[in-house]
């Protein structure tokens, strides 16, 4: 007798499936975008190093970090609010059984919707090259600076103009700090070329 396949739903452009967890009976697993997947991979690398520094063996730390970051990035409530704000909260709250459940259900969701389970190393490298653009790197710098996930509502609501505005001011702040100038007063830089910054970030039409 064949096992019944759980249905997935498309809600507000997101592919998701409800999952039952011990700590939250109405959680949803959301299929990650390409960008979210790359962020998840980078988070897992950072968490793996942290666990190793805490004394755990790499063979045990790496799979735990990968599953933990997948849970943080993909689990939301009905309104797409993240169930966990960070990996530390997740790892001190979620049971090992629930973490494995999310990992299995995510693989099943990807397989049912996309047609395959995991990407190989070649596909990952191709995606990295595709997303290695000035704007995506600037976007990642902003999210990293403010400790935000791209799946959070505030990040999703930001426009190209918002990202460009934040990034330019981050650059100006960093330049001031590198000169040892901690003052909050800024002098207009006549040599600053806004159009050139837009061009480098690939958002020539952004309005700021």
C-alpha atoms as a PDB file:
ATOM      1  CA  UNK A   1       0.000   0.000   0.000  1.00  0.00           C
ATOM      2  CA  UNK A   2       1.530   3.323  -1.049  1.00  0.00           C
ATOM      3  CA  UNK A   3       2.036   6.014   1.561  1.00  0.00           C
ATOM      4  CA  UNK A   4      -0.137   9.085   1.050  1.00  0.00           C
ATOM      5  CA  UNK A   5       1.832  12.188   0.076  1.00  0.00           C
ATOM      6  CA  UNK A   6       1.182  15.352   2.078  1.00  0.00           C
ATOM      7  CA  UNK A   7      -0.133  18.196  -0.032  1.00  0.00           C
ATOM      8  CA  UNK A   8       1.809  21.437  -0.238  1.00  0.00           C
ATOM      9  CA  UNK A   9       0.196  24.816  -0.698  1.00  0.00           C
ATOM     10  CA  UNK A  10       1.105  28.047  -2.455  1.00  0.00           C
ATOM     11  CA  UNK A  11       0.317  30.920  -0.099  1.00  0.00           C
ATOM     12  CA  UNK A  12       1.296  34.486  -1.005  1.00  0.00           C
ATOM     13  CA  UNK A  13       3.837  33.180  -3.464  1.00  0.00           C
ATOM     14  CA  UNK A  14       5.471  30.810  -0.961  1.00  0.00           C
ATOM     15  CA  UNK A  15       5.563  27.026  -1.303  1.00  0.00           C
ATOM     16  CA  UNK A  16       4.938  25.512   2.094  1.00  0.00           C
ATOM     17  CA  UNK A  17       3.646  22.524   4.019  1.00  0.00           C
ATOM     18  CA  UNK A  18       2.320  22.261   7.562  1.00  0.00           C
ATOM     19  CA  UNK A  19       4.358  20.169   9.973  1.00  0.00           C
ATOM     20  CA  UNK A  20       3.573  18.932  13.493  1.00  0.00           C
ATOM     21  CA  UNK A  21       6.222  19.679  16.116  1.00  0.00           C
ATOM     22  CA  UNK A  22       6.226  18.989  19.835  1.00  0.00           C
ATOM     23  CA  UNK A  23       6.796  22.669  20.662  1.00  0.00           C
ATOM     24  CA  UNK A  24       4.549  24.167  17.991  1.00  0.00           C
ATOM     25  CA  UNK A  25       1.570  22.316  16.545  1.00  0.00           C
ATOM     26  CA  UNK A  26       0.956  24.825  13.739  1.00  0.00           C
ATOM     27  CA  UNK A  27       4.307  25.377  12.138  1.00  0.00           C
ATOM     28  CA  UNK A  28       4.965  25.573   8.423  1.00  0.00           C
ATOM     29  CA  UNK A  29       8.007  24.540   6.416  1.00  0.00           C
ATOM     30  CA  UNK A  30       8.639  27.001   3.593  1.00  0.00           C
ATOM     31  CA  UNK A  31      10.634  26.186   0.488  1.00  0.00           C
ATOM     32  CA  UNK A  32      13.675  28.460   0.509  1.00  0.00           C
ATOM     33  CA  UNK A  33      14.595  30.726  -2.361  1.00  0.00           C
ATOM     34  CA  UNK A  34      18.003  30.442  -3.995  1.00  0.00           C
ATOM     35  CA  UNK A  35      19.266  33.425  -2.001  1.00  0.00           C
ATOM     36  CA  UNK A  36      17.849  32.072   1.273  1.00  0.00           C
ATOM     37  CA  UNK A  37      19.494  28.732   0.587  1.00  0.00           C
ATOM     38  CA  UNK A  38      22.904  30.361   0.149  1.00  0.00           C
ATOM     39  CA  UNK A  39      22.412  32.384   3.337  1.00  0.00           C
ATOM     40  CA  UNK A  40      21.477  29.152   5.109  1.00  0.00           C
ATOM     41  CA  UNK A  41      24.697  27.533   3.899  1.00  0.00           C
ATOM     42  CA  UNK A  42      26.782  30.462   5.126  1.00  0.00           C
ATOM     43  CA  UNK A  43      25.020  30.432   8.519  1.00  0.00           C
ATOM     44  CA  UNK A  44      25.718  26.705   8.848  1.00  0.00           C
ATOM     45  CA  UNK A  45      29.424  27.227   8.190  1.00  0.00           C
ATOM     46  CA  UNK A  46      29.584  29.888  10.913  1.00  0.00           C
ATOM     47  CA  UNK A  47      27.625  27.774  13.400  1.00  0.00           C
ATOM     48  CA  UNK A  48      29.814  24.738  12.691  1.00  0.00           C
ATOM     49  CA  UNK A  49      32.930  26.716  13.620  1.00  0.00           C
ATOM     50  CA  UNK A  50      31.229  27.962  16.796  1.00  0.00           C
ATOM     51  CA  UNK A  51      30.319  24.431  17.873  1.00  0.00           C
ATOM     52  CA  UNK A  52      33.859  23.246  17.153  1.00  0.00           C
ATOM     53  CA  UNK A  53      35.217  26.089  19.290  1.00  0.00           C
ATOM     54  CA  UNK A  54      32.811  24.955  22.024  1.00  0.00           C
ATOM     55  CA  UNK A  55      34.534  21.574  22.007  1.00  0.00           C
ATOM     56  CA  UNK A  56      32.321  19.495  19.704  1.00  0.00           C
ATOM     57  CA  UNK A  57      33.788  17.296  16.973  1.00  0.00           C
ATOM     58  CA  UNK A  58      33.337  18.526  13.392  1.00  0.00           C
ATOM     59  CA  UNK A  59      31.673  15.245  12.364  1.00  0.00           C
ATOM     60  CA  UNK A  60      28.888  15.910  14.880  1.00  0.00           C
ATOM     61  CA  UNK A  61      28.844  19.700  14.686  1.00  0.00           C
ATOM     62  CA  UNK A  62      28.429  20.042  10.906  1.00  0.00           C
ATOM     63  CA  UNK A  63      25.154  18.083  10.428  1.00  0.00           C
ATOM     64  CA  UNK A  64      23.626  19.648  13.550  1.00  0.00           C
ATOM     65  CA  UNK A  65      24.535  23.133  12.295  1.00  0.00           C
ATOM     66  CA  UNK A  66      23.111  22.424   8.820  1.00  0.00           C
ATOM     67  CA  UNK A  67      19.804  21.139  10.223  1.00  0.00           C
ATOM     68  CA  UNK A  68      19.562  23.948  12.790  1.00  0.00           C
ATOM     69  CA  UNK A  69      20.038  26.660  10.160  1.00  0.00           C
ATOM     70  CA  UNK A  70      17.553  24.968   7.851  1.00  0.00           C
ATOM     71  CA  UNK A  71      14.986  25.011  10.668  1.00  0.00           C
ATOM     72  CA  UNK A  72      15.587  28.694  11.447  1.00  0.00           C
ATOM     73  CA  UNK A  73      15.316  29.726   7.802  1.00  0.00           C
ATOM     74  CA  UNK A  74      12.352  27.571   6.768  1.00  0.00           C
ATOM     75  CA  UNK A  75      10.042  27.374   9.817  1.00  0.00           C
ATOM     76  CA  UNK A  76       7.329  30.029  10.173  1.00  0.00           C
ATOM     77  CA  UNK A  77       3.858  30.380  11.592  1.00  0.00           C
ATOM     78  CA  UNK A  78       0.788  30.828   9.389  1.00  0.00           C
ATOM     79  CA  UNK A  79       1.579  34.527   8.794  1.00  0.00           C
ATOM     80  CA  UNK A  80       5.203  33.806   7.800  1.00  0.00           C
ATOM     81  CA  UNK A  81       6.651  35.028  11.102  1.00  0.00           C
ATOM     82  CA  UNK A  82       9.788  33.009  11.977  1.00  0.00           C
ATOM     83  CA  UNK A  83       9.242  30.420  14.703  1.00  0.00           C
ATOM     84  CA  UNK A  84      12.792  30.965  15.974  1.00  0.00           C
ATOM     85  CA  UNK A  85      14.733  34.228  15.830  1.00  0.00           C
ATOM     86  CA  UNK A  86      18.183  32.605  15.809  1.00  0.00           C
ATOM     87  CA  UNK A  87      19.991  29.263  15.997  1.00  0.00           C
ATOM     88  CA  UNK A  88      20.743  29.600  19.700  1.00  0.00           C
ATOM     89  CA  UNK A  89      17.037  29.859  20.546  1.00  0.00           C
ATOM     90  CA  UNK A  90      16.261  26.929  18.287  1.00  0.00           C
ATOM     91  CA  UNK A  91      18.953  24.645  19.683  1.00  0.00           C
ATOM     92  CA  UNK A  92      17.883  25.286  23.266  1.00  0.00           C
ATOM     93  CA  UNK A  93      14.189  24.797  22.463  1.00  0.00           C
ATOM     94  CA  UNK A  94      13.687  22.265  19.690  1.00  0.00           C
ATOM     95  CA  UNK A  95      14.074  18.546  20.383  1.00  0.00           C
ATOM     96  CA  UNK A  96      16.464  16.439  18.263  1.00  0.00           C
ATOM     97  CA  UNK A  97      13.450  14.499  16.987  1.00  0.00           C
ATOM     98  CA  UNK A  98      11.748  17.692  15.809  1.00  0.00           C
ATOM     99  CA  UNK A  99      14.913  18.903  14.093  1.00  0.00           C
ATOM    100  CA  UNK A 100      15.221  15.662  12.157  1.00  0.00           C
ATOM    101  CA  UNK A 101      11.520  15.821  11.301  1.00  0.00           C
ATOM    102  CA  UNK A 102      11.956  19.286   9.778  1.00  0.00           C
ATOM    103  CA  UNK A 103      14.997  18.147   7.777  1.00  0.00           C
ATOM    104  CA  UNK A 104      13.132  15.123   6.390  1.00  0.00           C
ATOM    105  CA  UNK A 105       9.955  17.100   5.649  1.00  0.00           C
ATOM    106  CA  UNK A 106      11.919  19.839   3.897  1.00  0.00           C
ATOM    107  CA  UNK A 107      13.641  17.278   1.676  1.00  0.00           C
ATOM    108  CA  UNK A 108      10.260  15.727   0.899  1.00  0.00           C
ATOM    109  CA  UNK A 109       8.745  19.136   0.097  1.00  0.00           C
ATOM    110  CA  UNK A 110      11.584  19.980  -2.271  1.00  0.00           C
ATOM    111  CA  UNK A 111      11.344  16.582  -3.915  1.00  0.00           C
ATOM    112  CA  UNK A 112       7.555  16.818  -4.351  1.00  0.00           C
ATOM    113  CA  UNK A 113       7.576  20.375  -5.717  1.00  0.00           C
ATOM    114  CA  UNK A 114      10.924  20.799  -7.485  1.00  0.00           C
ATOM    115  CA  UNK A 115      11.464  17.186  -8.486  1.00  0.00           C
ATOM    116  CA  UNK A 116      14.777  16.587  -6.697  1.00  0.00           C
ATOM    117  CA  UNK A 117      15.951  16.380  -3.122  1.00  0.00           C
ATOM    118  CA  UNK A 118      19.319  18.145  -2.824  1.00  0.00           C
ATOM    119  CA  UNK A 119      21.576  20.161  -5.083  1.00  0.00           C
ATOM    120  CA  UNK A 120      24.979  18.804  -5.992  1.00  0.00           C
ATOM    121  CA  UNK A 121      28.204  20.752  -5.537  1.00  0.00           C
ATOM    122  CA  UNK A 122      28.231  21.778  -9.224  1.00  0.00           C
ATOM    123  CA  UNK A 123      24.758  23.319  -9.003  1.00  0.00           C
ATOM    124  CA  UNK A 124      25.702  25.154  -5.799  1.00  0.00           C
ATOM    125  CA  UNK A 125      28.793  26.637  -7.436  1.00  0.00           C
ATOM    126  CA  UNK A 126      26.740  27.756 -10.438  1.00  0.00           C
ATOM    127  CA  UNK A 127      24.214  29.450  -8.153  1.00  0.00           C
ATOM    128  CA  UNK A 128      27.000  31.183  -6.246  1.00  0.00           C
ATOM    129  CA  UNK A 129      28.378  32.626  -9.478  1.00  0.00           C
ATOM    130  CA  UNK A 130      24.915  33.741 -10.553  1.00  0.00           C
ATOM    131  CA  UNK A 131      24.248  35.564  -7.275  1.00  0.00           C
ATOM    132  CA  UNK A 132      27.720  37.022  -6.847  1.00  0.00           C
ATOM    133  CA  UNK A 133      26.574  40.472  -7.992  1.00  0.00           C
ATOM    134  CA  UNK A 134      27.315  43.845  -6.369  1.00  0.00           C
ATOM    135  CA  UNK A 135      23.686  44.337  -5.349  1.00  0.00           C
ATOM    136  CA  UNK A 136      23.311  40.894  -3.763  1.00  0.00           C
ATOM    137  CA  UNK A 137      26.604  41.351  -1.896  1.00  0.00           C
ATOM    138  CA  UNK A 138      25.442  44.788  -0.702  1.00  0.00           C
ATOM    139  CA  UNK A 139      22.125  43.283   0.374  1.00  0.00           C
ATOM    140  CA  UNK A 140      23.910  40.560   2.337  1.00  0.00           C
ATOM    141  CA  UNK A 141      26.173  43.151   4.019  1.00  0.00           C
ATOM    142  CA  UNK A 142      23.109  45.083   5.211  1.00  0.00           C
ATOM    143  CA  UNK A 143      21.301  41.993   6.511  1.00  0.00           C
ATOM    144  CA  UNK A 144      24.456  40.852   8.273  1.00  0.00           C
ATOM    145  CA  UNK A 145      25.074  44.289   9.834  1.00  0.00           C
ATOM    146  CA  UNK A 146      21.565  44.404  11.313  1.00  0.00           C
ATOM    147  CA  UNK A 147      21.398  40.675  12.141  1.00  0.00           C
ATOM    148  CA  UNK A 148      18.332  40.092   9.972  1.00  0.00           C
ATOM    149  CA  UNK A 149      17.214  37.116   7.924  1.00  0.00           C
ATOM    150  CA  UNK A 150      16.080  37.735   4.339  1.00  0.00           C
ATOM    151  CA  UNK A 151      12.846  35.890   5.145  1.00  0.00           C
ATOM    152  CA  UNK A 152      11.850  38.368   7.872  1.00  0.00           C
ATOM    153  CA  UNK A 153       8.969  40.731   6.967  1.00  0.00           C
ATOM    154  CA  UNK A 154      11.075  43.894   7.350  1.00  0.00           C
ATOM    155  CA  UNK A 155      13.743  42.556   4.982  1.00  0.00           C
ATOM    156  CA  UNK A 156      11.206  41.381   2.409  1.00  0.00           C
ATOM    157  CA  UNK A 157       9.534  44.806   2.459  1.00  0.00           C
ATOM    158  CA  UNK A 158      12.746  46.672   1.602  1.00  0.00           C
ATOM    159  CA  UNK A 159      13.081  48.029  -1.921  1.00  0.00           C
ATOM    160  CA  UNK A 160      16.232  48.401  -4.016  1.00  0.00           C
ATOM    161  CA  UNK A 161      16.260  52.076  -3.034  1.00  0.00           C
ATOM    162  CA  UNK A 162      16.120  51.140   0.672  1.00  0.00           C
ATOM    163  CA  UNK A 163      19.057  48.769   0.308  1.00  0.00           C
ATOM    164  CA  UNK A 164      21.092  51.285  -1.675  1.00  0.00           C
ATOM    165  CA  UNK A 165      20.403  54.043   0.873  1.00  0.00           C
ATOM    166  CA  UNK A 166      21.482  51.795   3.772  1.00  0.00           C
ATOM    167  CA  UNK A 167      24.562  50.535   1.954  1.00  0.00           C
ATOM    168  CA  UNK A 168      25.837  53.980   0.995  1.00  0.00           C
ATOM    169  CA  UNK A 169      25.479  55.180   4.584  1.00  0.00           C
ATOM    170  CA  UNK A 170      27.227  52.044   5.853  1.00  0.00           C
ATOM    171  CA  UNK A 171      30.144  52.791   3.528  1.00  0.00           C
ATOM    172  CA  UNK A 172      30.283  56.404   4.739  1.00  0.00           C
ATOM    173  CA  UNK A 173      30.193  55.247   8.381  1.00  0.00           C
ATOM    174  CA  UNK A 174      32.983  52.742   7.767  1.00  0.00           C
ATOM    175  CA  UNK A 175      35.101  55.379   6.041  1.00  0.00           C
ATOM    176  CA  UNK A 176      34.608  57.760   8.972  1.00  0.00           C
ATOM    177  CA  UNK A 177      35.497  55.031  11.467  1.00  0.00           C
ATOM    178  CA  UNK A 178      38.616  54.079   9.504  1.00  0.00           C
ATOM    179  CA  UNK A 179      39.806  57.684   9.861  1.00  0.00           C
ATOM    180  CA  UNK A 180      39.172  57.532  13.585  1.00  0.00           C
ATOM    181  CA  UNK A 181      36.439  60.111  13.275  1.00  0.00           C
ATOM    182  CA  UNK A 182      33.723  59.083  15.706  1.00  0.00           C
ATOM    183  CA  UNK A 183      31.690  62.242  15.283  1.00  0.00           C
ATOM    184  CA  UNK A 184      28.170  62.020  13.895  1.00  0.00           C
ATOM    185  CA  UNK A 185      28.674  65.073  11.657  1.00  0.00           C
ATOM    186  CA  UNK A 186      29.287  64.427   7.982  1.00  0.00           C
ATOM    187  CA  UNK A 187      30.776  66.765   5.432  1.00  0.00           C
ATOM    188  CA  UNK A 188      29.448  66.569   1.905  1.00  0.00           C
ATOM    189  CA  UNK A 189      31.937  64.786  -0.313  1.00  0.00           C
ATOM    190  CA  UNK A 190      31.953  66.600  -3.647  1.00  0.00           C
ATOM    191  CA  UNK A 191      33.742  63.686  -5.313  1.00  0.00           C
ATOM    192  CA  UNK A 192      31.014  61.180  -4.337  1.00  0.00           C
ATOM    193  CA  UNK A 193      29.273  59.890  -7.455  1.00  0.00           C
ATOM    194  CA  UNK A 194      25.807  58.538  -6.602  1.00  0.00           C
ATOM    195  CA  UNK A 195      25.149  57.385 -10.166  1.00  0.00           C
ATOM    196  CA  UNK A 196      28.390  55.402 -10.117  1.00  0.00           C
ATOM    197  CA  UNK A 197      27.348  53.711  -6.851  1.00  0.00           C
ATOM    198  CA  UNK A 198      24.012  52.785  -8.419  1.00  0.00           C
ATOM    199  CA  UNK A 199      25.777  51.375 -11.446  1.00  0.00           C
ATOM    200  CA  UNK A 200      28.154  49.274  -9.341  1.00  0.00           C
ATOM    201  CA  UNK A 201      25.238  47.869  -7.353  1.00  0.00           C
ATOM    202  CA  UNK A 202      23.262  47.122 -10.498  1.00  0.00           C
ATOM    203  CA  UNK A 203      20.309  49.313  -9.488  1.00  0.00           C
ATOM    204  CA  UNK A 204      20.635  52.286 -11.800  1.00  0.00           C
ATOM    205  CA  UNK A 205      16.894  53.035 -11.570  1.00  0.00           C
ATOM    206  CA  UNK A 206      16.731  53.112  -7.759  1.00  0.00           C
ATOM    207  CA  UNK A 207      15.302  56.404  -6.520  1.00  0.00           C
ATOM    208  CA  UNK A 208      17.003  57.862  -3.437  1.00  0.00           C
END
